[in-house]
Amino acid sequence: MKTNIKSQVWIETAIYTLIGLTLIAVVLSIAIPQVNKYKDRSIIKQTVESLSQLDSKIFEISDTAGNIRVINFNFNKGKFEINGIGNNLTYALENTNVKFSEPGVTLKFGEINYTTLEYGSRYNVFLTLDYSNEFDITFGGIDENKVYYPGSYKLKIENKGFDSSKGRIVIDLEVI
């Protein structure tokens, strides 16, 4: 009889442990995606602030040729593209749970264009500063694309003056 009681205690302990672990797994499976969604939304909001600062510096130097400004640009997730060919700056956060705007529709708030695209059951969020009608964006004096990944960067922004062949002011960006 004593052996039955000891084995019953061990069986109950094992069952309660399994129930406890199952409950923890269920709670984590619900909580972790919500935490990640909150983190991604926070990252997007911080990047919007950084892009707004960058935009204000670009317009600040656009008045006079030779003007130079240096700005710290930080982002923790995603990628940042300086598109000298398309004359725009784009931040992309891919494969996220955050549906930041209506999928497939580009919205403009201030100078920033917000685009969310469906990616399976997840989303790709793009924040774009489009200067194609105002400036010729270059990187190191060359019309090319540069992609940067998470980190801290110092961007030098310089007004190179009016280019009569392109009919626009040349804004040169460079990472220093």
Protein backbone atom coordinates (compact mmCIF):
# COMPACT_ATOMS: atom_id res chain seq x y z
CA MET A 1 0.00 0.00 0.00
CA LYS A 2 2.84 2.40 0.81
CA THR A 3 4.33 1.84 -2.66
CA ASN A 4 1.02 2.79 -4.29
CA ILE A 5 0.85 6.07 -2.35
CA LYS A 6 4.47 6.98 -3.24
CA SER A 7 3.93 6.25 -6.92
CA GLN A 8 0.63 8.15 -6.89
CA VAL A 9 2.42 11.24 -5.48
CA TRP A 10 5.01 11.06 -8.29
CA ILE A 11 2.32 10.68 -10.93
CA GLU A 12 0.40 13.67 -9.53
CA THR A 13 3.60 15.73 -9.42
CA ALA A 14 4.37 14.88 -13.05
CA ILE A 15 0.82 15.71 -14.16
CA TYR A 16 0.79 19.06 -12.29
CA THR A 17 4.21 19.92 -13.75
CA LEU A 18 2.96 19.18 -17.27
CA ILE A 19 -0.17 21.26 -16.70
CA GLY A 20 1.96 24.14 -15.38
CA LEU A 21 4.36 23.98 -18.33
CA THR A 22 1.44 23.87 -20.76
CA LEU A 23 -0.12 26.97 -19.18
CA ILE A 24 3.22 28.82 -19.37
CA ALA A 25 3.60 27.84 -23.05
CA VAL A 26 0.07 29.06 -23.86
CA VAL A 27 0.63 32.39 -22.09
CA LEU A 28 3.97 32.90 -23.86
CA SER A 29 2.53 31.99 -27.26
CA ILE A 30 -0.04 34.75 -26.80
CA ALA A 31 2.18 37.35 -25.11
CA ILE A 32 5.34 37.21 -27.25
CA PRO A 33 3.68 38.23 -30.56
CA GLN A 34 1.97 41.14 -28.80
CA VAL A 35 5.27 42.27 -27.26
CA ASN A 36 6.98 42.03 -30.67
CA LYS A 37 4.15 44.01 -32.27
CA TYR A 38 4.53 46.73 -29.63
CA LYS A 39 8.33 46.81 -30.19
CA ASP A 40 7.94 47.11 -33.97
CA ARG A 41 5.35 49.88 -33.62
CA SER A 42 7.73 51.73 -31.29
CA ILE A 43 10.61 51.28 -33.76
CA ILE A 44 8.47 52.71 -36.57
CA LYS A 45 7.50 55.74 -34.47
CA GLN A 46 11.16 56.41 -33.56
CA THR A 47 12.16 56.08 -37.21
CA VAL A 48 9.42 58.53 -38.23
CA GLU A 49 10.95 61.05 -35.81
CA SER A 50 14.44 60.44 -37.23
CA LEU A 51 13.17 60.82 -40.81
CA SER A 52 11.37 64.05 -39.87
CA GLN A 53 14.62 65.45 -38.42
CA LEU A 54 16.51 64.39 -41.53
CA ASP A 55 13.88 66.02 -43.75
CA SER A 56 14.02 69.29 -41.79
CA LYS A 57 17.84 69.37 -42.12
CA ILE A 58 17.60 68.77 -45.87
CA PHE A 59 15.16 71.67 -46.28
CA GLU A 60 17.27 73.80 -43.91
CA ILE A 61 20.34 73.51 -46.14
CA SER A 62 18.44 73.76 -49.42
CA ASP A 63 18.44 77.58 -49.35
CA THR A 64 22.15 78.16 -49.96
CA ALA A 65 24.76 76.22 -51.91
CA GLY A 66 27.61 74.98 -49.73
CA ASN A 67 25.47 74.55 -46.61
CA ILE A 68 26.44 71.45 -44.62
CA ARG A 69 24.74 69.76 -41.68
CA VAL A 70 25.59 66.60 -39.77
CA ILE A 71 22.84 64.54 -38.19
CA ASN A 72 22.87 61.38 -36.10
CA PHE A 73 20.55 58.79 -37.60
CA ASN A 74 19.66 55.71 -35.54
CA PHE A 75 17.44 52.73 -36.17
CA ASN A 76 17.31 49.33 -34.46
CA LYS A 77 15.56 47.13 -36.99
CA GLY A 78 14.90 47.13 -40.72
CA LYS A 79 16.94 48.85 -43.41
CA PHE A 80 17.47 52.40 -44.65
CA GLU A 81 18.05 53.10 -48.34
CA ILE A 82 19.46 56.24 -49.90
CA ASN A 83 18.15 56.04 -53.46
CA GLY A 84 20.12 58.47 -55.59
CA ILE A 85 18.55 57.18 -58.79
CA GLY A 86 14.93 57.63 -57.64
CA ASN A 87 15.80 60.67 -55.44
CA ASN A 88 14.21 59.31 -52.29
CA LEU A 89 15.09 58.01 -48.84
CA THR A 90 13.28 54.87 -47.69
CA TYR A 91 13.12 53.01 -44.40
CA ALA A 92 11.79 49.44 -44.63
CA LEU A 93 10.63 47.20 -41.79
CA GLU A 94 9.95 43.81 -43.32
CA ASN A 95 8.18 40.72 -42.03
CA THR A 96 6.45 42.39 -39.09
CA ASN A 97 3.11 41.82 -37.34
CA VAL A 98 2.40 45.56 -37.41
CA LYS A 99 -0.24 46.68 -39.88
CA PHE A 100 0.82 50.34 -39.72
CA SER A 101 -1.56 51.55 -42.43
CA GLU A 102 -4.08 50.04 -44.84
CA PRO A 103 -2.23 47.43 -46.96
CA GLY A 104 -1.51 48.55 -50.51
CA VAL A 105 -2.47 52.18 -49.89
CA THR A 106 0.16 54.92 -49.63
CA LEU A 107 -0.67 57.61 -47.09
CA LYS A 108 1.17 60.90 -46.69
CA PHE A 109 1.57 62.58 -43.31
CA GLY A 110 3.82 65.61 -43.44
CA GLU A 111 6.59 64.80 -45.89
CA ILE A 112 6.64 61.05 -45.17
CA ASN A 113 4.81 58.51 -47.33
CA TYR A 114 3.61 55.45 -45.38
CA THR A 115 3.05 52.19 -47.25
CA THR A 116 2.13 48.81 -45.78
CA LEU A 117 2.21 45.74 -48.00
CA GLU A 118 0.93 42.28 -47.09
CA TYR A 119 3.61 39.61 -46.85
CA GLY A 120 1.71 36.37 -46.25
CA SER A 121 0.12 36.76 -42.83
CA ARG A 122 2.64 39.48 -41.96
CA TYR A 123 3.44 42.94 -43.34
CA ASN A 124 6.23 45.03 -44.85
CA VAL A 125 6.15 48.70 -43.80
CA PHE A 126 7.88 51.39 -45.89
CA LEU A 127 8.46 55.02 -44.86
CA THR A 128 9.61 57.20 -47.76
CA LEU A 129 10.83 60.76 -48.17
CA ASP A 130 10.37 61.47 -51.89
CA TYR A 131 12.43 64.34 -53.31
CA SER A 132 12.06 63.46 -57.01
CA ASN A 133 10.31 66.78 -57.78
CA GLU A 134 12.54 68.96 -55.59
CA PHE A 135 16.12 67.73 -55.28
CA ASP A 136 18.67 65.51 -56.93
CA ILE A 137 19.82 63.18 -54.13
CA THR A 138 23.36 61.85 -54.48
CA PHE A 139 25.59 59.73 -52.28
CA GLY A 140 29.21 60.85 -52.25
CA GLY A 141 28.52 62.89 -55.39
CA ILE A 142 27.23 59.86 -57.33
CA ASP A 143 23.66 58.93 -58.28
CA GLU A 144 23.58 55.47 -56.71
CA ASN A 145 21.68 53.43 -54.16
CA LYS A 146 23.10 52.68 -50.72
CA VAL A 147 21.45 50.42 -48.15
CA TYR A 148 22.18 50.61 -44.43
CA TYR A 149 21.22 48.11 -41.76
CA PRO A 150 20.45 48.68 -38.06
CA GLY A 151 22.87 50.88 -36.20
CA SER A 152 23.93 54.45 -35.51
CA TYR A 153 25.12 56.59 -38.39
CA LYS A 154 26.37 60.15 -38.79
CA LEU A 155 25.01 61.57 -42.01
CA LYS A 156 26.63 64.57 -43.62
CA ILE A 157 24.11 66.48 -45.72
CA GLU A 158 25.48 69.04 -48.17
CA ASN A 159 23.87 71.40 -50.66
CA LYS A 160 26.05 71.12 -53.80
CA GLY A 161 24.16 73.89 -55.59
CA PHE A 162 21.83 74.02 -58.57
CA ASP A 163 22.53 71.60 -61.42
CA SER A 164 21.16 73.23 -64.57
CA SER A 165 21.34 69.97 -66.55
CA LYS A 166 18.95 68.29 -64.09
CA GLY A 167 17.00 71.42 -63.18
CA ARG A 168 17.25 70.73 -59.46
CA ILE A 169 19.36 71.45 -56.39
CA VAL A 170 21.84 68.65 -55.67
CA ILE A 171 21.70 67.35 -52.09
CA ASP A 172 24.63 65.07 -51.30
CA LEU A 173 24.44 62.59 -48.43
CA GLU A 174 27.43 60.83 -47.00
CA VAL A 175 28.03 58.61 -43.98
CA ILE A 176 30.96 59.84 -41.90
